[in-house]
Amino acid sequence: MTVTITKVLYFKKFVPGDEKSNDTVYLLFGNQQEQFLAHKIVSKPDFDQLMSVDMNSLPNENSATEVTFQGIADNQQLNAGATLNTEIQNEEVTVKVKANLYLEFGDLSM
C-alpha cells in the first residue's frame, strides 16, 4: 500500500525537559461530518490515543486545535461514551466520545 501525505495538520518537535500539563490535552481535527481527538504526547511516560467524537461545531478544518479537559489528569485516557464540556476559542462546546480507535501505552512507557 502506498500512502501520500497531502496536508500536515499538526507538527511539534519533542524537546527534552518539556513538562506536561496537569490536565489532559488532546488535538481536535476533522470536518463537519467526522471529528477526531488524538492525545497530545509531550514526554515519557505517556500514551497514544485516537478517538472518534461528535460535537456541535469544529473550529478549523485546516489544522488541529488543542483542547484541554480540565479536571482529568494527563495520564488518564478518555473512554467511549464519555460526554465532556470544554472551551474552544472562547466558546463552550460539548464533546461526546463515540469510539476509541487506538490506544497504546507500551511504546511510550518509561
PDB file of N, CA and C in Angstrom:
ATOM      1  N   MET A   1       0.835  -1.169   0.000  1.00  0.00           N
ATOM      2  CA  MET A   1       0.000   0.000   0.000  1.00  0.00           C
ATOM      3  C   MET A   1       0.886   1.239   0.000  1.00  0.00           C
ATOM      4  N   THR A   2       0.545   2.195  -0.802  1.00  0.00           N
ATOM      5  CA  THR A   2       1.251   3.467  -0.863  1.00  0.00           C
ATOM      6  C   THR A   2       0.397   4.532  -0.193  1.00  0.00           C
ATOM      7  N   VAL A   3       1.013   5.317   0.657  1.00  0.00           N
ATOM      8  CA  VAL A   3       0.320   6.403   1.350  1.00  0.00           C
ATOM      9  C   VAL A   3       0.969   7.717   0.936  1.00  0.00           C
ATOM     10  N   THR A   4       0.142   8.694   0.575  1.00  0.00           N
ATOM     11  CA  THR A   4       0.622  10.020   0.212  1.00  0.00           C
ATOM     12  C   THR A   4       0.062  11.026   1.205  1.00  0.00           C
ATOM     13  N   ILE A   5       0.938  11.760   1.877  1.00  0.00           N
ATOM     14  CA  ILE A   5       0.506  12.789   2.814  1.00  0.00           C
ATOM     15  C   ILE A   5       0.238  14.062   2.020  1.00  0.00           C
ATOM     16  N   THR A   6      -0.996  14.555   2.098  1.00  0.00           N
ATOM     17  CA  THR A   6      -1.374  15.743   1.332  1.00  0.00           C
ATOM     18  C   THR A   6      -1.411  17.005   2.191  1.00  0.00           C
ATOM     19  N   LYS A   7      -1.554  16.837   3.529  1.00  0.00           N
ATOM     20  CA  LYS A   7      -1.631  18.006   4.391  1.00  0.00           C
ATOM     21  C   LYS A   7      -1.192  17.611   5.800  1.00  0.00           C
ATOM     22  N   VAL A   8      -0.337  18.396   6.421  1.00  0.00           N
ATOM     23  CA  VAL A   8       0.063  18.198   7.807  1.00  0.00           C
ATOM     24  C   VAL A   8      -0.802  19.117   8.660  1.00  0.00           C
ATOM     25  N   LEU A   9      -1.564  18.535   9.590  1.00  0.00           N
ATOM     26  CA  LEU A   9      -2.461  19.322  10.427  1.00  0.00           C
ATOM     27  C   LEU A   9      -1.787  19.830  11.697  1.00  0.00           C
ATOM     28  N   TYR A  10      -0.768  19.097  12.167  1.00  0.00           N
ATOM     29  CA  TYR A  10      -0.097  19.487  13.409  1.00  0.00           C
ATOM     30  C   TYR A  10       1.310  18.920  13.400  1.00  0.00           C
ATOM     31  N   PHE A  11       2.273  19.727  13.827  1.00  0.00           N
ATOM     32  CA  PHE A  11       3.650  19.267  13.959  1.00  0.00           C
ATOM     33  C   PHE A  11       4.279  19.979  15.146  1.00  0.00           C
ATOM     34  N   LYS A  12       4.930  19.211  16.002  1.00  0.00           N
ATOM     35  CA  LYS A  12       5.682  19.791  17.112  1.00  0.00           C
ATOM     36  C   LYS A  12       6.857  18.886  17.407  1.00  0.00           C
ATOM     37  N   LYS A  13       8.033  19.448  17.427  1.00  0.00           N
ATOM     38  CA  LYS A  13       9.241  18.701  17.728  1.00  0.00           C
ATOM     39  C   LYS A  13       9.289  18.428  19.230  1.00  0.00           C
ATOM     40  N   PHE A  14       9.628  17.181  19.594  1.00  0.00           N
ATOM     41  CA  PHE A  14       9.791  16.852  21.005  1.00  0.00           C
ATOM     42  C   PHE A  14      11.042  17.530  21.539  1.00  0.00           C
ATOM     43  N   VAL A  15      10.923  18.122  22.729  1.00  0.00           N
ATOM     44  CA  VAL A  15      12.028  18.825  23.354  1.00  0.00           C
ATOM     45  C   VAL A  15      12.265  18.202  24.728  1.00  0.00           C
ATOM     46  N   PRO A  16      13.461  17.667  24.972  1.00  0.00           N
ATOM     47  CA  PRO A  16      13.746  17.099  26.295  1.00  0.00           C
ATOM     48  C   PRO A  16      13.476  18.123  27.392  1.00  0.00           C
ATOM     49  N   GLY A  17      12.833  17.687  28.440  1.00  0.00           N
ATOM     50  CA  GLY A  17      12.548  18.580  29.556  1.00  0.00           C
ATOM     51  C   GLY A  17      11.202  19.269  29.485  1.00  0.00           C
ATOM     52  N   ASP A  18      10.483  19.150  28.354  1.00  0.00           N
ATOM     53  CA  ASP A  18       9.138  19.731  28.282  1.00  0.00           C
ATOM     54  C   ASP A  18       8.265  19.105  29.362  1.00  0.00           C
ATOM     55  N   GLU A  19       7.493  19.934  30.038  1.00  0.00           N
ATOM     56  CA  GLU A  19       6.625  19.445  31.105  1.00  0.00           C
ATOM     57  C   GLU A  19       5.196  19.339  30.606  1.00  0.00           C
ATOM     58  N   LYS A  20       4.539  18.257  31.034  1.00  0.00           N
ATOM     59  CA  LYS A  20       3.143  18.034  30.674  1.00  0.00           C
ATOM     60  C   LYS A  20       2.229  18.896  31.544  1.00  0.00           C
ATOM     61  N   SER A  21       1.070  19.157  31.001  1.00  0.00           N
ATOM     62  CA  SER A  21       0.026  19.856  31.741  1.00  0.00           C
ATOM     63  C   SER A  21      -0.519  18.924  32.823  1.00  0.00           C
ATOM     64  N   ASN A  22      -1.084  19.490  33.883  1.00  0.00           N
ATOM     65  CA  ASN A  22      -1.764  18.671  34.883  1.00  0.00           C
ATOM     66  C   ASN A  22      -3.077  18.127  34.335  1.00  0.00           C
ATOM     67  N   ASP A  23      -3.686  18.857  33.407  1.00  0.00           N
ATOM     68  CA  ASP A  23      -4.941  18.432  32.779  1.00  0.00           C
ATOM     69  C   ASP A  23      -4.629  17.720  31.468  1.00  0.00           C
ATOM     70  N   THR A  24      -5.556  16.890  31.015  1.00  0.00           N
ATOM     71  CA  THR A  24      -5.325  16.156  29.776  1.00  0.00           C
ATOM     72  C   THR A  24      -5.574  17.060  28.568  1.00  0.00           C
ATOM     73  N   VAL A  25      -4.683  16.955  27.581  1.00  0.00           N
ATOM     74  CA  VAL A  25      -4.755  17.785  26.377  1.00  0.00           C
ATOM     75  C   VAL A  25      -4.851  16.868  25.162  1.00  0.00           C
ATOM     76  N   TYR A  26      -5.785  17.170  24.283  1.00  0.00           N
ATOM     77  CA  TYR A  26      -5.979  16.419  23.047  1.00  0.00           C
ATOM     78  C   TYR A  26      -5.915  17.376  21.864  1.00  0.00           C
ATOM     79  N   LEU A  27      -5.696  16.828  20.689  1.00  0.00           N
ATOM     80  CA  LEU A  27      -5.730  17.585  19.442  1.00  0.00           C
ATOM     81  C   LEU A  27      -7.006  17.222  18.712  1.00  0.00           C
ATOM     82  N   LEU A  28      -7.810  18.224  18.397  1.00  0.00           N
ATOM     83  CA  LEU A  28      -9.079  18.037  17.706  1.00  0.00           C
ATOM     84  C   LEU A  28      -8.878  18.323  16.225  1.00  0.00           C
ATOM     85  N   PHE A  29      -9.339  17.399  15.374  1.00  0.00           N
ATOM     86  CA  PHE A  29      -9.237  17.617  13.931  1.00  0.00           C
ATOM     87  C   PHE A  29     -10.361  16.863  13.235  1.00  0.00           C
ATOM     88  N   GLY A  30     -10.596  17.217  11.978  1.00  0.00           N
ATOM     89  CA  GLY A  30     -11.640  16.573  11.188  1.00  0.00           C
ATOM     90  C   GLY A  30     -12.372  17.580  10.329  1.00  0.00           C
ATOM     91  N   ASN A  31     -13.644  17.261  10.045  1.00  0.00           N
ATOM     92  CA  ASN A  31     -14.502  18.149   9.270  1.00  0.00           C
ATOM     93  C   ASN A  31     -15.893  18.116   9.880  1.00  0.00           C
ATOM     94  N   GLN A  32     -16.864  18.743   9.236  1.00  0.00           N
ATOM     95  CA  GLN A  32     -18.210  18.800   9.819  1.00  0.00           C
ATOM     96  C   GLN A  32     -18.877  17.425   9.911  1.00  0.00           C
ATOM     97  N   GLN A  33     -18.458  16.471   9.078  1.00  0.00           N
ATOM     98  CA  GLN A  33     -19.046  15.126   9.117  1.00  0.00           C
ATOM     99  C   GLN A  33     -18.343  14.201  10.116  1.00  0.00           C
ATOM    100  N   GLU A  34     -17.030  14.333  10.274  1.00  0.00           N
ATOM    101  CA  GLU A  34     -16.247  13.468  11.154  1.00  0.00           C
ATOM    102  C   GLU A  34     -15.276  14.300  11.977  1.00  0.00           C
ATOM    103  N   GLN A  35     -15.242  14.046  13.286  1.00  0.00           N
ATOM    104  CA  GLN A  35     -14.301  14.724  14.163  1.00  0.00           C
ATOM    105  C   GLN A  35     -13.528  13.680  14.967  1.00  0.00           C
ATOM    106  N   PHE A  36     -12.268  14.008  15.275  1.00  0.00           N
ATOM    107  CA  PHE A  36     -11.398  13.088  15.989  1.00  0.00           C
ATOM    108  C   PHE A  36     -10.607  13.829  17.052  1.00  0.00           C
ATOM    109  N   LEU A  37     -10.235  13.103  18.119  1.00  0.00           N
ATOM    110  CA  LEU A  37      -9.334  13.603  19.141  1.00  0.00           C
ATOM    111  C   LEU A  37      -8.131  12.678  19.204  1.00  0.00           C
ATOM    112  N   ALA A  38      -6.928  13.246  19.248  1.00  0.00           N
ATOM    113  CA  ALA A  38      -5.695  12.496  19.437  1.00  0.00           C
ATOM    114  C   ALA A  38      -5.020  13.049  20.689  1.00  0.00           C
ATOM    115  N   HIS A  39      -4.623  12.162  21.595  1.00  0.00           N
ATOM    116  CA  HIS A  39      -3.961  12.612  22.818  1.00  0.00           C
ATOM    117  C   HIS A  39      -2.646  13.296  22.471  1.00  0.00           C
ATOM    118  N   LYS A  40      -2.396  14.436  23.062  1.00  0.00           N
ATOM    119  CA  LYS A  40      -1.153  15.177  22.808  1.00  0.00           C
ATOM    120  C   LYS A  40      -0.029  14.559  23.643  1.00  0.00           C
ATOM    121  N   ILE A  41       0.985  14.070  22.957  1.00  0.00           N
ATOM    122  CA  ILE A  41       2.129  13.445  23.605  1.00  0.00           C
ATOM    123  C   ILE A  41       3.203  14.502  23.812  1.00  0.00           C
ATOM    124  N   VAL A  42       3.696  14.608  25.058  1.00  0.00           N
ATOM    125  CA  VAL A  42       4.708  15.606  25.370  1.00  0.00           C
ATOM    126  C   VAL A  42       6.034  14.946  25.748  1.00  0.00           C
ATOM    127  N   SER A  43       5.991  13.983  26.664  1.00  0.00           N
ATOM    128  CA  SER A  43       7.201  13.291  27.113  1.00  0.00           C
ATOM    129  C   SER A  43       6.823  11.965  27.759  1.00  0.00           C
ATOM    130  N   LYS A  44       7.802  11.069  27.879  1.00  0.00           N
ATOM    131  CA  LYS A  44       7.561   9.785  28.539  1.00  0.00           C
ATOM    132  C   LYS A  44       7.472   9.986  30.042  1.00  0.00           C
ATOM    133  N   PRO A  45       6.724   9.172  30.761  1.00  0.00           N
ATOM    134  CA  PRO A  45       5.772   8.178  30.265  1.00  0.00           C
ATOM    135  C   PRO A  45       4.500   8.856  29.772  1.00  0.00           C
ATOM    136  N   ASP A  46       3.853   8.259  28.793  1.00  0.00           N
ATOM    137  CA  ASP A  46       2.645   8.819  28.212  1.00  0.00           C
ATOM    138  C   ASP A  46       1.898   7.713  27.480  1.00  0.00           C
ATOM    139  N   PHE A  47       0.843   8.069  26.789  1.00  0.00           N
ATOM    140  CA  PHE A  47       0.093   7.107  25.991  1.00  0.00           C
ATOM    141  C   PHE A  47      -0.363   7.765  24.707  1.00  0.00           C
ATOM    142  N   ASP A  48      -0.648   6.947  23.718  1.00  0.00           N
ATOM    143  CA  ASP A  48      -1.134   7.412  22.422  1.00  0.00           C
ATOM    144  C   ASP A  48      -2.578   6.962  22.292  1.00  0.00           C
ATOM    145  N   GLN A  49      -3.484   7.872  21.971  1.00  0.00           N
ATOM    146  CA  GLN A  49      -4.897   7.522  21.848  1.00  0.00           C
ATOM    147  C   GLN A  49      -5.528   8.332  20.724  1.00  0.00           C
ATOM    148  N   LEU A  50      -6.365   7.656  19.936  1.00  0.00           N
ATOM    149  CA  LEU A  50      -7.138   8.292  18.872  1.00  0.00           C
ATOM    150  C   LEU A  50      -8.591   7.871  19.031  1.00  0.00           C
ATOM    151  N   MET A  51      -9.503   8.848  19.005  1.00  0.00           N
ATOM    152  CA  MET A  51     -10.930   8.573  19.186  1.00  0.00           C
ATOM    153  C   MET A  51     -11.766   9.325  18.167  1.00  0.00           C
ATOM    154  N   SER A  52     -12.889   8.732  17.802  1.00  0.00           N
ATOM    155  CA  SER A  52     -13.871   9.477  17.014  1.00  0.00           C
ATOM    156  C   SER A  52     -14.816  10.136  18.010  1.00  0.00           C
ATOM    157  N   VAL A  53     -15.168  11.385  17.722  1.00  0.00           N
ATOM    158  CA  VAL A  53     -16.017  12.151  18.630  1.00  0.00           C
ATOM    159  C   VAL A  53     -17.136  12.830  17.841  1.00  0.00           C
ATOM    160  N   ASP A  54     -18.107  13.287  18.576  1.00  0.00           N
ATOM    161  CA  ASP A  54     -19.213  14.030  17.991  1.00  0.00           C
ATOM    162  C   ASP A  54     -19.328  15.338  18.756  1.00  0.00           C
ATOM    163  N   MET A  55     -19.382  16.444  18.026  1.00  0.00           N
ATOM    164  CA  MET A  55     -19.540  17.739  18.666  1.00  0.00           C
ATOM    165  C   MET A  55     -20.332  18.667  17.761  1.00  0.00           C
ATOM    166  N   ASN A  56     -20.826  19.746  18.326  1.00  0.00           N
ATOM    167  CA  ASN A  56     -21.724  20.617  17.581  1.00  0.00           C
ATOM    168  C   ASN A  56     -21.028  21.523  16.573  1.00  0.00           C
ATOM    169  N   SER A  57     -19.716  21.736  16.702  1.00  0.00           N
ATOM    170  CA  SER A  57     -19.012  22.566  15.736  1.00  0.00           C
ATOM    171  C   SER A  57     -17.529  22.220  15.751  1.00  0.00           C
ATOM    172  N   LEU A  58     -16.858  22.539  14.670  1.00  0.00           N
ATOM    173  CA  LEU A  58     -15.423  22.306  14.549  1.00  0.00           C
ATOM    174  C   LEU A  58     -14.770  23.649  14.284  1.00  0.00           C
ATOM    175  N   PRO A  59     -13.801  24.058  15.133  1.00  0.00           N
ATOM    176  CA  PRO A  59     -13.228  25.397  14.981  1.00  0.00           C
ATOM    177  C   PRO A  59     -12.478  25.631  13.679  1.00  0.00           C
ATOM    178  N   ASN A  60     -11.726  24.638  13.190  1.00  0.00           N
ATOM    179  CA  ASN A  60     -10.935  24.859  11.982  1.00  0.00           C
ATOM    180  C   ASN A  60     -10.643  23.522  11.314  1.00  0.00           C
ATOM    181  N   GLU A  61     -11.129  23.332  10.093  1.00  0.00           N
ATOM    182  CA  GLU A  61     -10.910  22.085   9.370  1.00  0.00           C
ATOM    183  C   GLU A  61      -9.504  21.979   8.804  1.00  0.00           C
ATOM    184  N   ASN A  62      -8.747  23.055   8.779  1.00  0.00           N
ATOM    185  CA  ASN A  62      -7.439  23.052   8.135  1.00  0.00           C
ATOM    186  C   ASN A  62      -6.270  22.857   9.090  1.00  0.00           C
ATOM    187  N   SER A  63      -6.545  22.669  10.372  1.00  0.00           N
ATOM    188  CA  SER A  63      -5.474  22.435  11.334  1.00  0.00           C
ATOM    189  C   SER A  63      -6.035  21.695  12.531  1.00  0.00           C
ATOM    190  N   ALA A  64      -5.151  21.242  13.394  1.00  0.00           N
ATOM    191  CA  ALA A  64      -5.555  20.611  14.642  1.00  0.00           C
ATOM    192  C   ALA A  64      -5.623  21.684  15.724  1.00  0.00           C
ATOM    193  N   THR A  65      -6.626  21.602  16.558  1.00  0.00           N
ATOM    194  CA  THR A  65      -6.832  22.563  17.628  1.00  0.00           C
ATOM    195  C   THR A  65      -6.603  21.880  18.965  1.00  0.00           C
ATOM    196  N   GLU A  66      -5.782  22.476  19.818  1.00  0.00           N
ATOM    197  CA  GLU A  66      -5.561  21.915  21.151  1.00  0.00           C
ATOM    198  C   GLU A  66      -6.805  22.096  22.008  1.00  0.00           C
ATOM    199  N   VAL A  67      -7.200  21.004  22.674  1.00  0.00           N
ATOM    200  CA  VAL A  67      -8.369  21.020  23.553  1.00  0.00           C
ATOM    201  C   VAL A  67      -7.928  20.502  24.916  1.00  0.00           C
ATOM    202  N   THR A  68      -8.153  21.289  25.967  1.00  0.00           N
ATOM    203  CA  THR A  68      -7.804  20.888  27.324  1.00  0.00           C
ATOM    204  C   THR A  68      -9.076  20.508  28.069  1.00  0.00           C
ATOM    205  N   PHE A  69      -9.039  19.329  28.691  1.00  0.00           N
ATOM    206  CA  PHE A  69     -10.145  18.882  29.532  1.00  0.00           C
ATOM    207  C   PHE A  69      -9.695  19.024  30.979  1.00  0.00           C
ATOM    208  N   GLN A  70     -10.140  20.095  31.622  1.00  0.00           N
ATOM    209  CA  GLN A  70      -9.733  20.388  32.990  1.00  0.00           C
ATOM    210  C   GLN A  70     -10.365  19.385  33.943  1.00  0.00           C
ATOM    211  N   GLY A  71      -9.585  19.026  34.948  1.00  0.00           N
ATOM    212  CA  GLY A  71     -10.077  18.093  35.956  1.00  0.00           C
ATOM    213  C   GLY A  71      -9.841  16.641  35.602  1.00  0.00           C
ATOM    214  N   ILE A  72      -9.271  16.365  34.424  1.00  0.00           N
ATOM    215  CA  ILE A  72      -8.921  15.000  34.030  1.00  0.00           C
ATOM    216  C   ILE A  72      -7.401  14.954  33.944  1.00  0.00           C
ATOM    217  N   ALA A  73      -6.782  14.102  34.750  1.00  0.00           N
ATOM    218  CA  ALA A  73      -5.319  14.018  34.798  1.00  0.00           C
ATOM    219  C   ALA A  73      -4.761  13.615  33.449  1.00  0.00           C
ATOM    220  N   ASP A  74      -3.567  14.134  33.120  1.00  0.00           N
ATOM    221  CA  ASP A  74      -2.960  13.879  31.817  1.00  0.00           C
ATOM    222  C   ASP A  74      -2.603  12.416  31.599  1.00  0.00           C
ATOM    223  N   ASN A  75      -2.511  11.619  32.652  1.00  0.00           N
ATOM    224  CA  ASN A  75      -2.192  10.203  32.477  1.00  0.00           C
ATOM    225  C   ASN A  75      -3.440   9.332  32.379  1.00  0.00           C
ATOM    226  N   GLN A  76      -4.604   9.937  32.247  1.00  0.00           N
ATOM    227  CA  GLN A  76      -5.873   9.210  32.190  1.00  0.00           C
ATOM    228  C   GLN A  76      -6.483   9.329  30.800  1.00  0.00           C
ATOM    229  N   GLN A  77      -6.726   8.187  30.153  1.00  0.00           N
ATOM    230  CA  GLN A  77      -7.328   8.210  28.826  1.00  0.00           C
ATOM    231  C   GLN A  77      -8.839   8.439  28.926  1.00  0.00           C
ATOM    232  N   LEU A  78      -9.427   8.884  27.817  1.00  0.00           N
ATOM    233  CA  LEU A  78     -10.868   9.074  27.735  1.00  0.00           C
ATOM    234  C   LEU A  78     -11.518   7.782  27.258  1.00  0.00           C
ATOM    235  N   ASN A  79     -12.751   7.554  27.669  1.00  0.00           N
ATOM    236  CA  ASN A  79     -13.446   6.320  27.318  1.00  0.00           C
ATOM    237  C   ASN A  79     -14.636   6.591  26.412  1.00  0.00           C
ATOM    238  N   ALA A  80     -14.947   5.617  25.554  1.00  0.00           N
ATOM    239  CA  ALA A  80     -16.125   5.715  24.685  1.00  0.00           C
ATOM    240  C   ALA A  80     -17.362   5.925  25.548  1.00  0.00           C
ATOM    241  N   GLY A  81     -18.235   6.788  25.081  1.00  0.00           N
ATOM    242  CA  GLY A  81     -19.454   7.100  25.808  1.00  0.00           C
ATOM    243  C   GLY A  81     -19.333   8.327  26.701  1.00  0.00           C
ATOM    244  N   ALA A  82     -18.122   8.788  26.953  1.00  0.00           N
ATOM    245  CA  ALA A  82     -17.922   9.954  27.809  1.00  0.00           C
ATOM    246  C   ALA A  82     -18.446  11.215  27.119  1.00  0.00           C
ATOM    247  N   THR A  83     -19.080  12.083  27.878  1.00  0.00           N
ATOM    248  CA  THR A  83     -19.510  13.389  27.393  1.00  0.00           C
ATOM    249  C   THR A  83     -18.798  14.430  28.230  1.00  0.00           C
ATOM    250  N   LEU A  84     -18.040  15.307  27.551  1.00  0.00           N
ATOM    251  CA  LEU A  84     -17.191  16.277  28.234  1.00  0.00           C
ATOM    252  C   LEU A  84     -17.483  17.687  27.750  1.00  0.00           C
ATOM    253  N   ASN A  85     -17.410  18.621  28.664  1.00  0.00           N
ATOM    254  CA  ASN A  85     -17.566  20.029  28.311  1.00  0.00           C
ATOM    255  C   ASN A  85     -16.205  20.700  28.386  1.00  0.00           C
ATOM    256  N   THR A  86     -15.946  21.579  27.440  1.00  0.00           N
ATOM    257  CA  THR A  86     -14.697  22.333  27.424  1.00  0.00           C
ATOM    258  C   THR A  86     -14.925  23.638  26.684  1.00  0.00           C
ATOM    259  N   GLU A  87     -13.909  24.456  26.653  1.00  0.00           N
ATOM    260  CA  GLU A  87     -13.982  25.716  25.926  1.00  0.00           C
ATOM    261  C   GLU A  87     -12.966  25.688  24.792  1.00  0.00           C
ATOM    262  N   ILE A  88     -13.439  26.001  23.598  1.00  0.00           N
ATOM    263  CA  ILE A  88     -12.568  26.075  22.431  1.00  0.00           C
ATOM    264  C   ILE A  88     -12.760  27.445  21.801  1.00  0.00           C
ATOM    265  N   GLN A  89     -11.685  28.199  21.740  1.00  0.00           N
ATOM    266  CA  GLN A  89     -11.710  29.542  21.167  1.00  0.00           C
ATOM    267  C   GLN A  89     -12.847  30.380  21.751  1.00  0.00           C
ATOM    268  N   ASN A  90     -12.897  30.408  23.089  1.00  0.00           N
ATOM    269  CA  ASN A  90     -13.873  31.191  23.859  1.00  0.00           C
ATOM    270  C   ASN A  90     -15.318  30.762  23.640  1.00  0.00           C
ATOM    271  N   GLU A  91     -15.536  29.540  23.195  1.00  0.00           N
ATOM    272  CA  GLU A  91     -16.884  29.019  23.005  1.00  0.00           C
ATOM    273  C   GLU A  91     -17.024  27.715  23.781  1.00  0.00           C
ATOM    274  N   GLU A  92     -18.080  27.617  24.588  1.00  0.00           N
ATOM    275  CA  GLU A  92     -18.352  26.401  25.351  1.00  0.00           C
ATOM    276  C   GLU A  92     -18.877  25.331  24.392  1.00  0.00           C
ATOM    277  N   VAL A  93     -18.223  24.166  24.381  1.00  0.00           N
ATOM    278  CA  VAL A  93     -18.633  23.073  23.498  1.00  0.00           C
ATOM    279  C   VAL A  93     -18.759  21.783  24.300  1.00  0.00           C
ATOM    280  N   THR A  94     -19.598  20.886  23.794  1.00  0.00           N
ATOM    281  CA  THR A  94     -19.773  19.557  24.367  1.00  0.00           C
ATOM    282  C   THR A  94     -19.193  18.547  23.398  1.00  0.00           C
ATOM    283  N   VAL A  95     -18.335  17.673  23.913  1.00  0.00           N
ATOM    284  CA  VAL A  95     -17.687  16.651  23.096  1.00  0.00           C
ATOM    285  C   VAL A  95     -18.149  15.294  23.598  1.00  0.00           C
ATOM    286  N   LYS A  96     -18.702  14.468  22.697  1.00  0.00           N
ATOM    287  CA  LYS A  96     -19.107  13.106  23.054  1.00  0.00           C
ATOM    288  C   LYS A  96     -18.155  12.134  22.379  1.00  0.00           C
ATOM    289  N   VAL A  97     -17.497  11.284  23.176  1.00  0.00           N
ATOM    290  CA  VAL A  97     -16.578  10.284  22.637  1.00  0.00           C
ATOM    291  C   VAL A  97     -17.404   9.126  22.088  1.00  0.00           C
ATOM    292  N   LYS A  98     -17.343   8.925  20.767  1.00  0.00           N
ATOM    293  CA  LYS A  98     -18.115   7.856  20.132  1.00  0.00           C
ATOM    294  C   LYS A  98     -17.407   6.516  20.227  1.00  0.00           C
ATOM    295  N   ALA A  99     -16.119   6.479  19.873  1.00  0.00           N
ATOM    296  CA  ALA A  99     -15.390   5.214  19.855  1.00  0.00           C
ATOM    297  C   ALA A  99     -13.913   5.448  20.066  1.00  0.00           C
ATOM    298  N   ASN A 100     -13.280   4.502  20.740  1.00  0.00           N
ATOM    299  CA  ASN A 100     -11.829   4.501  20.890  1.00  0.00           C
ATOM    300  C   ASN A 100     -11.266   3.745  19.693  1.00  0.00           C
ATOM    301  N   LEU A 101     -10.501   4.420  18.838  1.00  0.00           N
ATOM    302  CA  LEU A 101      -9.965   3.804  17.627  1.00  0.00           C
ATOM    303  C   LEU A 101      -8.579   3.205  17.843  1.00  0.00           C
ATOM    304  N   TYR A 102      -7.805   3.773  18.762  1.00  0.00           N
ATOM    305  CA  TYR A 102      -6.438   3.306  19.001  1.00  0.00           C
ATOM    306  C   TYR A 102      -6.009   3.727  20.397  1.00  0.00           C
ATOM    307  N   LEU A 103      -5.366   2.809  21.123  1.00  0.00           N
ATOM    308  CA  LEU A 103      -4.843   3.129  22.449  1.00  0.00           C
ATOM    309  C   LEU A 103      -3.582   2.303  22.667  1.00  0.00           C
ATOM    310  N   GLU A 104      -2.467   2.969  22.961  1.00  0.00           N
ATOM    311  CA  GLU A 104      -1.172   2.287  23.139  1.00  0.00           C
ATOM    312  C   GLU A 104      -0.411   2.907  24.294  1.00  0.00           C
ATOM    313  N   PHE A 105       0.034   2.053  25.216  1.00  0.00           N
ATOM    314  CA  PHE A 105       0.836   2.500  26.351  1.00  0.00           C
ATOM    315  C   PHE A 105       2.296   2.078  26.229  1.00  0.00           C
ATOM    316  N   GLY A 106       2.555   0.928  25.636  1.00  0.00           N
ATOM    317  CA  GLY A 106       3.877   0.308  25.635  1.00  0.00           C
ATOM    318  C   GLY A 106       4.963   1.128  25.003  1.00  0.00           C
ATOM    319  N   ASP A 107       4.713   1.718  23.865  1.00  0.00           N
ATOM    320  CA  ASP A 107       5.752   2.467  23.151  1.00  0.00           C
ATOM    321  C   ASP A 107       6.228   3.705  23.905  1.00  0.00           C
ATOM    322  N   LEU A 108       5.417   4.215  24.794  1.00  0.00           N
ATOM    323  CA  LEU A 108       5.754   5.461  25.489  1.00  0.00           C
ATOM    324  C   LEU A 108       5.957   5.265  26.979  1.00  0.00           C
ATOM    325  N   SER A 109       6.166   4.016  27.402  1.00  0.00           N
ATOM    326  CA  SER A 109       6.394   3.766  28.819  1.00  0.00           C
ATOM    327  C   SER A 109       7.806   4.222  29.177  1.00  0.00           C
ATOM    328  N   MET A 110       8.153   4.116  30.418  1.00  0.00           N
ATOM    329  CA  MET A 110       9.465   4.560  30.894  1.00  0.00           C
ATOM    330  C   MET A 110      10.531   4.061  30.027  1.00  0.00           C
TER     331      MET A 110
END
